Amino acid sequence: MVRVQAQQQRGDKITIEERYYISSLSGTAEKMLQIVRGHWSIENSLHWVLDIAFREDDCRIRKGHGAQNFAVLRHLALNLLTQDTSTKCGIKAKRKKAGWDEDFLLSILTNST
């Protein structure tokens, strides 16, 4: 069991919260904190890309399994766009280019870059 106490200051307001994690790993407190920070760094960067490039937070799909299905499609598209090395631009720009250029879209879908 790992307990992390997080302190955050915004202006004059300080908030403290505790988070608990279950892990089979053993190590020092510093090592556990490094692992937790690494996890959240990856998690936050993924959600940031999905929100900026795919506007995921603006999605209005709420019925049935639609939200989960579209999340899977967004992750699939993100993985395909990330693998592309033919264009040196961001994910959002690659997504737009794939919408405008059928040859580029085909190269993304067939992974022939």
PDB file of N, CA and C in Angstrom:
ATOM      1  N   MET A   1       0.852  -1.163   0.000  1.00  0.00           N
ATOM      2  CA  MET A   1       0.000   0.000   0.000  1.00  0.00           C
ATOM      3  C   MET A   1       0.902   1.231   0.000  1.00  0.00           C
ATOM      4  N   VAL A   2       0.575   2.190  -0.846  1.00  0.00           N
ATOM      5  CA  VAL A   2       1.348   3.424  -0.944  1.00  0.00           C
ATOM      6  C   VAL A   2       0.401   4.589  -0.681  1.00  0.00           C
ATOM      7  N   ARG A   3       0.830   5.512   0.161  1.00  0.00           N
ATOM      8  CA  ARG A   3       0.053   6.717   0.431  1.00  0.00           C
ATOM      9  C   ARG A   3       0.872   7.913  -0.018  1.00  0.00           C
ATOM     10  N   VAL A   4       0.253   8.770  -0.837  1.00  0.00           N
ATOM     11  CA  VAL A   4       0.903   9.986  -1.306  1.00  0.00           C
ATOM     12  C   VAL A   4       0.094  11.163  -0.797  1.00  0.00           C
ATOM     13  N   GLN A   5       0.763  12.090  -0.145  1.00  0.00           N
ATOM     14  CA  GLN A   5       0.101  13.301   0.338  1.00  0.00           C
ATOM     15  C   GLN A   5       0.505  14.433  -0.605  1.00  0.00           C
ATOM     16  N   ALA A   6      -0.483  14.978  -1.303  1.00  0.00           N
ATOM     17  CA  ALA A   6      -0.224  16.020  -2.295  1.00  0.00           C
ATOM     18  C   ALA A   6      -0.659  17.373  -1.744  1.00  0.00           C
ATOM     19  N   GLN A   7       0.226  18.350  -1.865  1.00  0.00           N
ATOM     20  CA  GLN A   7      -0.079  19.709  -1.417  1.00  0.00           C
ATOM     21  C   GLN A   7      -0.016  20.609  -2.635  1.00  0.00           C
ATOM     22  N   GLN A   8      -1.048  21.421  -2.818  1.00  0.00           N
ATOM     23  CA  GLN A   8      -1.131  22.294  -3.980  1.00  0.00           C
ATOM     24  C   GLN A   8      -1.461  23.703  -3.514  1.00  0.00           C
ATOM     25  N   GLN A   9      -0.774  24.693  -4.070  1.00  0.00           N
ATOM     26  CA  GLN A   9      -1.034  26.077  -3.698  1.00  0.00           C
ATOM     27  C   GLN A   9      -1.412  26.859  -4.943  1.00  0.00           C
ATOM     28  N   ARG A  10      -2.567  27.493  -4.869  1.00  0.00           N
ATOM     29  CA  ARG A  10      -3.036  28.391  -5.932  1.00  0.00           C
ATOM     30  C   ARG A  10      -3.369  29.718  -5.267  1.00  0.00           C
ATOM     31  N   GLY A  11      -2.515  30.703  -5.529  1.00  0.00           N
ATOM     32  CA  GLY A  11      -2.685  31.989  -4.848  1.00  0.00           C
ATOM     33  C   GLY A  11      -2.435  31.820  -3.366  1.00  0.00           C
ATOM     34  N   ASP A  12      -3.404  32.230  -2.552  1.00  0.00           N
ATOM     35  CA  ASP A  12      -3.291  32.098  -1.106  1.00  0.00           C
ATOM     36  C   ASP A  12      -3.874  30.798  -0.591  1.00  0.00           C
ATOM     37  N   LYS A  13      -4.554  30.052  -1.439  1.00  0.00           N
ATOM     38  CA  LYS A  13      -5.239  28.838  -1.006  1.00  0.00           C
ATOM     39  C   LYS A  13      -4.334  27.607  -1.149  1.00  0.00           C
ATOM     40  N   ILE A  14      -4.205  26.866  -0.063  1.00  0.00           N
ATOM     41  CA  ILE A  14      -3.420  25.632  -0.048  1.00  0.00           C
ATOM     42  C   ILE A  14      -4.375  24.465   0.194  1.00  0.00           C
ATOM     43  N   THR A  15      -4.303  23.459  -0.681  1.00  0.00           N
ATOM     44  CA  THR A  15      -5.122  22.260  -0.491  1.00  0.00           C
ATOM     45  C   THR A  15      -4.196  21.062  -0.325  1.00  0.00           C
ATOM     46  N   ILE A  16      -4.587  20.174   0.562  1.00  0.00           N
ATOM     47  CA  ILE A  16      -3.825  18.949   0.814  1.00  0.00           C
ATOM     48  C   ILE A  16      -4.775  17.781   0.639  1.00  0.00           C
ATOM     49  N   GLU A  17      -4.358  16.795  -0.157  1.00  0.00           N
ATOM     50  CA  GLU A  17      -5.179  15.596  -0.303  1.00  0.00           C
ATOM     51  C   GLU A  17      -4.282  14.362  -0.282  1.00  0.00           C
ATOM     52  N   GLU A  18      -4.863  13.271   0.144  1.00  0.00           N
ATOM     53  CA  GLU A  18      -4.129  12.009   0.213  1.00  0.00           C
ATOM     54  C   GLU A  18      -4.666  11.060  -0.842  1.00  0.00           C
ATOM     55  N   ARG A  19      -3.743  10.373  -1.495  1.00  0.00           N
ATOM     56  CA  ARG A  19      -4.101   9.375  -2.496  1.00  0.00           C
ATOM     57  C   ARG A  19      -3.465   8.058  -2.089  1.00  0.00           C
ATOM     58  N   TYR A  20      -4.199   6.992  -2.301  1.00  0.00           N
ATOM     59  CA  TYR A  20      -3.717   5.666  -1.935  1.00  0.00           C
ATOM     60  C   TYR A  20      -3.589   4.800  -3.180  1.00  0.00           C
ATOM     61  N   TYR A  21      -2.527   3.996  -3.233  1.00  0.00           N
ATOM     62  CA  TYR A  21      -2.273   3.102  -4.342  1.00  0.00           C
ATOM     63  C   TYR A  21      -1.947   1.717  -3.797  1.00  0.00           C
ATOM     64  N   ILE A  22      -2.385   0.706  -4.517  1.00  0.00           N
ATOM     65  CA  ILE A  22      -2.033  -0.672  -4.180  1.00  0.00           C
ATOM     66  C   ILE A  22      -0.984  -1.113  -5.179  1.00  0.00           C
ATOM     67  N   SER A  23       0.122  -1.652  -4.682  1.00  0.00           N
ATOM     68  CA  SER A  23       1.214  -2.038  -5.561  1.00  0.00           C
ATOM     69  C   SER A  23       1.908  -3.286  -5.019  1.00  0.00           C
ATOM     70  N   SER A  24       2.377  -4.104  -5.941  1.00  0.00           N
ATOM     71  CA  SER A  24       3.170  -5.265  -5.549  1.00  0.00           C
ATOM     72  C   SER A  24       4.659  -4.919  -5.529  1.00  0.00           C
ATOM     73  N   LEU A  25       5.005  -3.698  -5.930  1.00  0.00           N
ATOM     74  CA  LEU A  25       6.395  -3.267  -5.935  1.00  0.00           C
ATOM     75  C   LEU A  25       6.842  -2.910  -4.528  1.00  0.00           C
ATOM     76  N   SER A  26       8.108  -3.058  -4.291  1.00  0.00           N
ATOM     77  CA  SER A  26       8.660  -2.615  -3.016  1.00  0.00           C
ATOM     78  C   SER A  26       9.793  -1.639  -3.315  1.00  0.00           C
ATOM     79  N   GLY A  27      10.015  -0.738  -2.405  1.00  0.00           N
ATOM     80  CA  GLY A  27      11.070   0.245  -2.599  1.00  0.00           C
ATOM     81  C   GLY A  27      10.936   1.364  -1.604  1.00  0.00           C
ATOM     82  N   THR A  28      11.809   2.331  -1.754  1.00  0.00           N
ATOM     83  CA  THR A  28      11.809   3.478  -0.856  1.00  0.00           C
ATOM     84  C   THR A  28      10.640   4.400  -1.191  1.00  0.00           C
ATOM     85  N   ALA A  29      10.377   5.323  -0.291  1.00  0.00           N
ATOM     86  CA  ALA A  29       9.315   6.310  -0.521  1.00  0.00           C
ATOM     87  C   ALA A  29       9.632   7.148  -1.758  1.00  0.00           C
ATOM     88  N   GLU A  30      10.890   7.491  -1.945  1.00  0.00           N
ATOM     89  CA  GLU A  30      11.295   8.286  -3.105  1.00  0.00           C
ATOM     90  C   GLU A  30      11.035   7.531  -4.402  1.00  0.00           C
ATOM     91  N   LYS A  31      11.326   6.222  -4.404  1.00  0.00           N
ATOM     92  CA  LYS A  31      11.098   5.398  -5.595  1.00  0.00           C
ATOM     93  C   LYS A  31       9.605   5.291  -5.905  1.00  0.00           C
ATOM     94  N   MET A  32       8.776   5.092  -4.868  1.00  0.00           N
ATOM     95  CA  MET A  32       7.327   4.998  -5.072  1.00  0.00           C
ATOM     96  C   MET A  32       6.771   6.314  -5.613  1.00  0.00           C
ATOM     97  N   LEU A  33       7.251   7.443  -5.082  1.00  0.00           N
ATOM     98  CA  LEU A  33       6.798   8.742  -5.557  1.00  0.00           C
ATOM     99  C   LEU A  33       7.198   8.944  -7.022  1.00  0.00           C
ATOM    100  N   GLN A  34       8.392   8.510  -7.381  1.00  0.00           N
ATOM    101  CA  GLN A  34       8.856   8.607  -8.768  1.00  0.00           C
ATOM    102  C   GLN A  34       7.941   7.795  -9.694  1.00  0.00           C
ATOM    103  N   ILE A  35       7.548   6.606  -9.264  1.00  0.00           N
ATOM    104  CA  ILE A  35       6.668   5.755 -10.059  1.00  0.00           C
ATOM    105  C   ILE A  35       5.291   6.401 -10.218  1.00  0.00           C
ATOM    106  N   VAL A  36       4.746   6.926  -9.126  1.00  0.00           N
ATOM    107  CA  VAL A  36       3.423   7.575  -9.173  1.00  0.00           C
ATOM    108  C   VAL A  36       3.472   8.799 -10.081  1.00  0.00           C
ATOM    109  N   ARG A  37       4.503   9.619  -9.948  1.00  0.00           N
ATOM    110  CA  ARG A  37       4.621  10.812 -10.802  1.00  0.00           C
ATOM    111  C   ARG A  37       4.779  10.430 -12.265  1.00  0.00           C
ATOM    112  N   GLY A  38       5.539   9.379 -12.537  1.00  0.00           N
ATOM    113  CA  GLY A  38       5.701   8.911 -13.912  1.00  0.00           C
ATOM    114  C   GLY A  38       4.385   8.470 -14.513  1.00  0.00           C
ATOM    115  N   HIS A  39       3.577   7.752 -13.722  1.00  0.00           N
ATOM    116  CA  HIS A  39       2.267   7.297 -14.193  1.00  0.00           C
ATOM    117  C   HIS A  39       1.379   8.486 -14.536  1.00  0.00           C
ATOM    118  N   TRP A  40       1.304   9.462 -13.628  1.00  0.00           N
ATOM    119  CA  TRP A  40       0.421  10.597 -13.864  1.00  0.00           C
ATOM    120  C   TRP A  40       0.930  11.497 -14.968  1.00  0.00           C
ATOM    121  N   SER A  41       2.235  11.546 -15.171  1.00  0.00           N
ATOM    122  CA  SER A  41       2.786  12.329 -16.275  1.00  0.00           C
ATOM    123  C   SER A  41       2.306  11.764 -17.609  1.00  0.00           C
ATOM    124  N   ILE A  42       2.374  10.441 -17.746  1.00  0.00           N
ATOM    125  CA  ILE A  42       1.905   9.792 -18.968  1.00  0.00           C
ATOM    126  C   ILE A  42       0.400   9.978 -19.118  1.00  0.00           C
ATOM    127  N   GLU A  43      -0.322   9.758 -18.043  1.00  0.00           N
ATOM    128  CA  GLU A  43      -1.785   9.877 -18.060  1.00  0.00           C
ATOM    129  C   GLU A  43      -2.226  11.288 -18.439  1.00  0.00           C
ATOM    130  N   ASN A  44      -1.606  12.291 -17.833  1.00  0.00           N
ATOM    131  CA  ASN A  44      -1.981  13.681 -18.122  1.00  0.00           C
ATOM    132  C   ASN A  44      -1.639  14.073 -19.549  1.00  0.00           C
ATOM    133  N   SER A  45      -0.486  13.636 -20.055  1.00  0.00           N
ATOM    134  CA  SER A  45      -0.115  14.005 -21.428  1.00  0.00           C
ATOM    135  C   SER A  45      -1.047  13.337 -22.434  1.00  0.00           C
ATOM    136  N   LEU A  46      -1.482  12.116 -22.183  1.00  0.00           N
ATOM    137  CA  LEU A  46      -2.419  11.440 -23.078  1.00  0.00           C
ATOM    138  C   LEU A  46      -3.742  12.180 -23.116  1.00  0.00           C
ATOM    139  N   HIS A  47      -4.281  12.526 -21.956  1.00  0.00           N
ATOM    140  CA  HIS A  47      -5.562  13.220 -21.910  1.00  0.00           C
ATOM    141  C   HIS A  47      -5.462  14.610 -22.519  1.00  0.00           C
ATOM    142  N   TRP A  48      -4.326  15.254 -22.361  1.00  0.00           N
ATOM    143  CA  TRP A  48      -4.146  16.571 -22.956  1.00  0.00           C
ATOM    144  C   TRP A  48      -4.206  16.470 -24.472  1.00  0.00           C
ATOM    145  N   VAL A  49      -3.502  15.493 -25.041  1.00  0.00           N
ATOM    146  CA  VAL A  49      -3.509  15.307 -26.496  1.00  0.00           C
ATOM    147  C   VAL A  49      -4.913  14.972 -26.984  1.00  0.00           C
ATOM    148  N   LEU A  50      -5.610  14.080 -26.281  1.00  0.00           N
ATOM    149  CA  LEU A  50      -6.965  13.722 -26.699  1.00  0.00           C
ATOM    150  C   LEU A  50      -7.899  14.925 -26.630  1.00  0.00           C
ATOM    151  N   ASP A  51      -7.719  15.783 -25.650  1.00  0.00           N
ATOM    152  CA  ASP A  51      -8.595  16.943 -25.544  1.00  0.00           C
ATOM    153  C   ASP A  51      -8.249  17.999 -26.590  1.00  0.00           C
ATOM    154  N   ILE A  52      -6.982  18.257 -26.810  1.00  0.00           N
ATOM    155  CA  ILE A  52      -6.579  19.295 -27.759  1.00  0.00           C
ATOM    156  C   ILE A  52      -6.780  18.835 -29.202  1.00  0.00           C
ATOM    157  N   ALA A  53      -6.291  17.663 -29.557  1.00  0.00           N
ATOM    158  CA  ALA A  53      -6.345  17.210 -30.952  1.00  0.00           C
ATOM    159  C   ALA A  53      -7.712  16.674 -31.346  1.00  0.00           C
ATOM    160  N   PHE A  54      -8.423  16.050 -30.405  1.00  0.00           N
ATOM    161  CA  PHE A  54      -9.694  15.408 -30.729  1.00  0.00           C
ATOM    162  C   PHE A  54     -10.892  16.074 -30.043  1.00  0.00           C
ATOM    163  N   ARG A  55     -10.633  17.106 -29.237  1.00  0.00           N
ATOM    164  CA  ARG A  55     -11.695  17.826 -28.521  1.00  0.00           C
ATOM    165  C   ARG A  55     -12.589  16.855 -27.748  1.00  0.00           C
ATOM    166  N   GLU A  56     -11.964  15.895 -27.082  1.00  0.00           N
ATOM    167  CA  GLU A  56     -12.678  14.827 -26.381  1.00  0.00           C
ATOM    168  C   GLU A  56     -13.618  15.364 -25.304  1.00  0.00           C
ATOM    169  N   ASP A  57     -13.218  16.414 -24.611  1.00  0.00           N
ATOM    170  CA  ASP A  57     -14.070  16.958 -23.547  1.00  0.00           C
ATOM    171  C   ASP A  57     -15.359  17.567 -24.090  1.00  0.00           C
ATOM    172  N   ASP A  58     -15.365  17.943 -25.374  1.00  0.00           N
ATOM    173  CA  ASP A  58     -16.561  18.538 -25.979  1.00  0.00           C
ATOM    174  C   ASP A  58     -17.516  17.499 -26.555  1.00  0.00           C
ATOM    175  N   CYS A  59     -17.156  16.240 -26.493  1.00  0.00           N
ATOM    176  CA  CYS A  59     -17.988  15.179 -27.060  1.00  0.00           C
ATOM    177  C   CYS A  59     -19.315  15.100 -26.302  1.00  0.00           C
ATOM    178  N   ARG A  60     -20.405  15.070 -27.033  1.00  0.00           N
ATOM    179  CA  ARG A  60     -21.736  15.073 -26.425  1.00  0.00           C
ATOM    180  C   ARG A  60     -22.391  13.694 -26.450  1.00  0.00           C
ATOM    181  N   ILE A  61     -21.646  12.671 -26.812  1.00  0.00           N
ATOM    182  CA  ILE A  61     -22.205  11.319 -26.889  1.00  0.00           C
ATOM    183  C   ILE A  61     -22.399  10.791 -25.474  1.00  0.00           C
ATOM    184  N   ARG A  62     -23.629  10.404 -25.143  1.00  0.00           N
ATOM    185  CA  ARG A  62     -23.949   9.959 -23.792  1.00  0.00           C
ATOM    186  C   ARG A  62     -24.726   8.642 -23.760  1.00  0.00           C
ATOM    187  N   LYS A  63     -25.346   8.241 -24.853  1.00  0.00           N
ATOM    188  CA  LYS A  63     -26.238   7.079 -24.837  1.00  0.00           C
ATOM    189  C   LYS A  63     -25.477   5.771 -25.020  1.00  0.00           C
ATOM    190  N   GLY A  64     -25.943   4.762 -24.325  1.00  0.00           N
ATOM    191  CA  GLY A  64     -25.413   3.410 -24.492  1.00  0.00           C
ATOM    192  C   GLY A  64     -23.913   3.349 -24.311  1.00  0.00           C
ATOM    193  N   HIS A  65     -23.276   2.645 -25.220  1.00  0.00           N
ATOM    194  CA  HIS A  65     -21.820   2.468 -25.169  1.00  0.00           C
ATOM    195  C   HIS A  65     -21.103   3.434 -26.111  1.00  0.00           C
ATOM    196  N   GLY A  66     -21.817   4.431 -26.594  1.00  0.00           N
ATOM    197  CA  GLY A  66     -21.247   5.363 -27.565  1.00  0.00           C
ATOM    198  C   GLY A  66     -19.989   6.054 -27.090  1.00  0.00           C
ATOM    199  N   ALA A  67     -19.988   6.533 -25.856  1.00  0.00           N
ATOM    200  CA  ALA A  67     -18.818   7.251 -25.333  1.00  0.00           C
ATOM    201  C   ALA A  67     -17.593   6.340 -25.288  1.00  0.00           C
ATOM    202  N   GLN A  68     -17.791   5.109 -24.808  1.00  0.00           N
ATOM    203  CA  GLN A  68     -16.666   4.161 -24.741  1.00  0.00           C
ATOM    204  C   GLN A  68     -16.186   3.783 -26.145  1.00  0.00           C
ATOM    205  N   ASN A  69     -17.135   3.581 -27.068  1.00  0.00           N
ATOM    206  CA  ASN A  69     -16.773   3.212 -28.439  1.00  0.00           C
ATOM    207  C   ASN A  69     -15.960   4.322 -29.106  1.00  0.00           C
ATOM    208  N   PHE A  70     -16.390   5.567 -28.936  1.00  0.00           N
ATOM    209  CA  PHE A  70     -15.659   6.675 -29.534  1.00  0.00           C
ATOM    210  C   PHE A  70     -14.308   6.880 -28.855  1.00  0.00           C
ATOM    211  N   ALA A  71     -14.201   6.596 -27.567  1.00  0.00           N
ATOM    212  CA  ALA A  71     -12.910   6.690 -26.884  1.00  0.00           C
ATOM    213  C   ALA A  71     -11.927   5.690 -27.480  1.00  0.00           C
ATOM    214  N   VAL A  72     -12.405   4.485 -27.770  1.00  0.00           N
ATOM    215  CA  VAL A  72     -11.550   3.465 -28.404  1.00  0.00           C
ATOM    216  C   VAL A  72     -11.112   3.944 -29.788  1.00  0.00           C
ATOM    217  N   LEU A  73     -12.034   4.505 -30.556  1.00  0.00           N
ATOM    218  CA  LEU A  73     -11.690   5.010 -31.897  1.00  0.00           C
ATOM    219  C   LEU A  73     -10.685   6.155 -31.820  1.00  0.00           C
ATOM    220  N   ARG A  74     -10.848   7.041 -30.855  1.00  0.00           N
ATOM    221  CA  ARG A  74      -9.896   8.147 -30.691  1.00  0.00           C
ATOM    222  C   ARG A  74      -8.504   7.624 -30.346  1.00  0.00           C
ATOM    223  N   HIS A  75      -8.438   6.649 -29.452  1.00  0.00           N
ATOM    224  CA  HIS A  75      -7.139   6.071 -29.079  1.00  0.00           C
ATOM    225  C   HIS A  75      -6.504   5.375 -30.272  1.00  0.00           C
ATOM    226  N   LEU A  76      -7.298   4.672 -31.052  1.00  0.00           N
ATOM    227  CA  LEU A  76      -6.797   4.014 -32.258  1.00  0.00           C
ATOM    228  C   LEU A  76      -6.233   5.047 -33.233  1.00  0.00           C
ATOM    229  N   ALA A  77      -7.006   6.110 -33.465  1.00  0.00           N
ATOM    230  CA  ALA A  77      -6.545   7.169 -34.367  1.00  0.00           C
ATOM    231  C   ALA A  77      -5.275   7.824 -33.832  1.00  0.00           C
ATOM    232  N   LEU A  78      -5.228   8.086 -32.532  1.00  0.00           N
ATOM    233  CA  LEU A  78      -4.040   8.693 -31.928  1.00  0.00           C
ATOM    234  C   LEU A  78      -2.819   7.797 -32.121  1.00  0.00           C
ATOM    235  N   ASN A  79      -2.986   6.501 -31.899  1.00  0.00           N
ATOM    236  CA  ASN A  79      -1.861   5.577 -32.085  1.00  0.00           C
ATOM    237  C   ASN A  79      -1.387   5.559 -33.532  1.00  0.00           C
ATOM    238  N   LEU A  80      -2.310   5.555 -34.488  1.00  0.00           N
ATOM    239  CA  LEU A  80      -1.928   5.550 -35.897  1.00  0.00           C
ATOM    240  C   LEU A  80      -1.224   6.850 -36.279  1.00  0.00           C
ATOM    241  N   LEU A  81      -1.746   7.978 -35.811  1.00  0.00           N
ATOM    242  CA  LEU A  81      -1.124   9.268 -36.128  1.00  0.00           C
ATOM    243  C   LEU A  81       0.243   9.412 -35.469  1.00  0.00           C
ATOM    244  N   THR A  82       0.395   8.855 -34.277  1.00  0.00           N
ATOM    245  CA  THR A  82       1.675   8.929 -33.568  1.00  0.00           C
ATOM    246  C   THR A  82       2.755   8.120 -34.290  1.00  0.00           C
ATOM    247  N   GLN A  83       2.363   7.017 -34.907  1.00  0.00           N
ATOM    248  CA  GLN A  83       3.325   6.156 -35.612  1.00  0.00           C
ATOM    249  C   GLN A  83       3.835   6.778 -36.905  1.00  0.00           C
ATOM    250  N   ASP A  84       3.121   7.752 -37.442  1.00  0.00           N
ATOM    251  CA  ASP A  84       3.516   8.375 -38.703  1.00  0.00           C
ATOM    252  C   ASP A  84       4.789   9.190 -38.521  1.00  0.00           C
ATOM    253  N   THR A  85       5.765   8.947 -39.383  1.00  0.00           N
ATOM    254  CA  THR A  85       7.019   9.697 -39.325  1.00  0.00           C
ATOM    255  C   THR A  85       7.247  10.511 -40.604  1.00  0.00           C
ATOM    256  N   SER A  86       6.300  10.476 -41.536  1.00  0.00           N
ATOM    257  CA  SER A  86       6.482  11.165 -42.812  1.00  0.00           C
ATOM    258  C   SER A  86       6.270  12.669 -42.697  1.00  0.00           C
ATOM    259  N   THR A  87       5.518  13.109 -41.719  1.00  0.00           N
ATOM    260  CA  THR A  87       5.201  14.525 -41.562  1.00  0.00           C
ATOM    261  C   THR A  87       5.662  14.990 -40.189  1.00  0.00           C
ATOM    262  N   LYS A  88       6.392  16.088 -40.169  1.00  0.00           N
ATOM    263  CA  LYS A  88       6.861  16.624 -38.894  1.00  0.00           C
ATOM    264  C   LYS A  88       5.923  17.734 -38.446  1.00  0.00           C
ATOM    265  N   CYS A  89       4.820  17.306 -37.837  1.00  0.00           N
ATOM    266  CA  CYS A  89       3.868  18.261 -37.278  1.00  0.00           C
ATOM    267  C   CYS A  89       3.136  17.571 -36.136  1.00  0.00           C
ATOM    268  N   GLY A  90       2.305  18.296 -35.443  1.00  0.00           N
ATOM    269  CA  GLY A  90       1.601  17.753 -34.304  1.00  0.00           C
ATOM    270  C   GLY A  90       0.454  16.834 -34.703  1.00  0.00           C
ATOM    271  N   ILE A  91      -0.107  16.191 -33.700  1.00  0.00           N
ATOM    272  CA  ILE A  91      -1.211  15.254 -33.919  1.00  0.00           C
ATOM    273  C   ILE A  91      -2.415  15.973 -34.512  1.00  0.00           C
ATOM    274  N   LYS A  92      -2.720  17.154 -34.012  1.00  0.00           N
ATOM    275  CA  LYS A  92      -3.878  17.901 -34.516  1.00  0.00           C
ATOM    276  C   LYS A  92      -3.695  18.224 -35.997  1.00  0.00           C
ATOM    277  N   ALA A  93      -2.509  18.647 -36.389  1.00  0.00           N
ATOM    278  CA  ALA A  93      -2.230  18.979 -37.796  1.00  0.00           C
ATOM    279  C   ALA A  93      -2.272  17.719 -38.667  1.00  0.00           C
ATOM    280  N   LYS A  94      -1.748  16.605 -38.151  1.00  0.00           N
ATOM    281  CA  LYS A  94      -1.803  15.347 -38.914  1.00  0.00           C
ATOM    282  C   LYS A  94      -3.244  14.901 -39.114  1.00  0.00           C
ATOM    283  N   ARG A  95      -4.064  15.098 -38.084  1.00  0.00           N
ATOM    284  CA  ARG A  95      -5.474  14.729 -38.184  1.00  0.00           C
ATOM    285  C   ARG A  95      -6.165  15.560 -39.270  1.00  0.00           C
ATOM    286  N   LYS A  96      -5.895  16.857 -39.281  1.00  0.00           N
ATOM    287  CA  LYS A  96      -6.469  17.716 -40.321  1.00  0.00           C
ATOM    288  C   LYS A  96      -5.967  17.323 -41.705  1.00  0.00           C
ATOM    289  N   LYS A  97      -4.675  17.047 -41.806  1.00  0.00           N
ATOM    290  CA  LYS A  97      -4.101  16.665 -43.097  1.00  0.00           C
ATOM    291  C   LYS A  97      -4.734  15.371 -43.594  1.00  0.00           C
ATOM    292  N   ALA A  98      -4.973  14.440 -42.694  1.00  0.00           N
ATOM    293  CA  ALA A  98      -5.616  13.175 -43.089  1.00  0.00           C
ATOM    294  C   ALA A  98      -7.039  13.420 -43.583  1.00  0.00           C
ATOM    295  N   GLY A  99      -7.701  14.440 -43.056  1.00  0.00           N
ATOM    296  CA  GLY A  99      -9.042  14.785 -43.526  1.00  0.00           C
ATOM    297  C   GLY A  99      -9.040  15.460 -44.882  1.00  0.00           C
ATOM    298  N   TRP A 100      -7.952  16.130 -45.232  1.00  0.00           N
ATOM    299  CA  TRP A 100      -7.863  16.853 -46.493  1.00  0.00           C
ATOM    300  C   TRP A 100      -7.217  16.036 -47.605  1.00  0.00           C
ATOM    301  N   ASP A 101      -6.294  15.163 -47.245  1.00  0.00           N
ATOM    302  CA  ASP A 101      -5.470  14.456 -48.234  1.00  0.00           C
ATOM    303  C   ASP A 101      -5.714  12.955 -48.126  1.00  0.00           C
ATOM    304  N   GLU A 102      -6.429  12.401 -49.123  1.00  0.00           N
ATOM    305  CA  GLU A 102      -6.769  10.976 -49.082  1.00  0.00           C
ATOM    306  C   GLU A 102      -5.534  10.078 -49.152  1.00  0.00           C
ATOM    307  N   ASP A 103      -4.503  10.521 -49.876  1.00  0.00           N
ATOM    308  CA  ASP A 103      -3.268   9.718 -49.946  1.00  0.00           C
ATOM    309  C   ASP A 103      -2.590   9.643 -48.577  1.00  0.00           C
ATOM    310  N   PHE A 104      -2.563  10.774 -47.860  1.00  0.00           N
ATOM    311  CA  PHE A 104      -1.987  10.780 -46.523  1.00  0.00           C
ATOM    312  C   PHE A 104      -2.815   9.905 -45.589  1.00  0.00           C
ATOM    313  N   LEU A 105      -4.144  10.005 -45.685  1.00  0.00           N
ATOM    314  CA  LEU A 105      -5.029   9.163 -44.865  1.00  0.00           C
ATOM    315  C   LEU A 105      -4.760   7.686 -45.125  1.00  0.00           C
ATOM    316  N   LEU A 106      -4.633   7.330 -46.396  1.00  0.00           N
ATOM    317  CA  LEU A 106      -4.355   5.927 -46.736  1.00  0.00           C
ATOM    318  C   LEU A 106      -3.007   5.472 -46.173  1.00  0.00           C
ATOM    319  N   SER A 107      -2.011   6.356 -46.235  1.00  0.00           N
ATOM    320  CA  SER A 107      -0.689   5.989 -45.691  1.00  0.00           C
ATOM    321  C   SER A 107      -0.758   5.806 -44.162  1.00  0.00           C
ATOM    322  N   ILE A 108      -1.595   6.599 -43.504  1.00  0.00           N
ATOM    323  CA  ILE A 108      -1.771   6.451 -42.048  1.00  0.00           C
ATOM    324  C   ILE A 108      -2.471   5.127 -41.742  1.00  0.00           C
ATOM    325  N   LEU A 109      -3.539   4.847 -42.463  1.00  0.00           N
ATOM    326  CA  LEU A 109      -4.331   3.642 -42.202  1.00  0.00           C
ATOM    327  C   LEU A 109      -3.581   2.357 -42.536  1.00  0.00           C
ATOM    328  N   THR A 110      -2.704   2.410 -43.538  1.00  0.00           N
ATOM    329  CA  THR A 110      -1.941   1.223 -43.926  1.00  0.00           C
ATOM    330  C   THR A 110      -0.554   1.194 -43.303  1.00  0.00           C
ATOM    331  N   ASN A 111      -0.244   2.258 -42.541  1.00  0.00           N
ATOM    332  CA  ASN A 111       1.054   2.368 -41.860  1.00  0.00           C
ATOM    333  C   ASN A 111       2.208   2.241 -42.847  1.00  0.00           C
ATOM    334  N   SER A 112       2.056   2.888 -44.016  1.00  0.00           N
ATOM    335  CA  SER A 112       3.085   2.799 -45.061  1.00  0.00           C
ATOM    336  C   SER A 112       3.819   4.116 -45.182  1.00  0.00           C
ATOM    337  N   THR A 113       4.428   4.548 -44.074  1.00  0.00           N
ATOM    338  CA  THR A 113       5.185   5.792 -44.097  1.00  0.00           C
ATOM    339  C   THR A 113       6.665   5.512 -44.144  1.00  0.00           C
TER     340      THR A 113
END
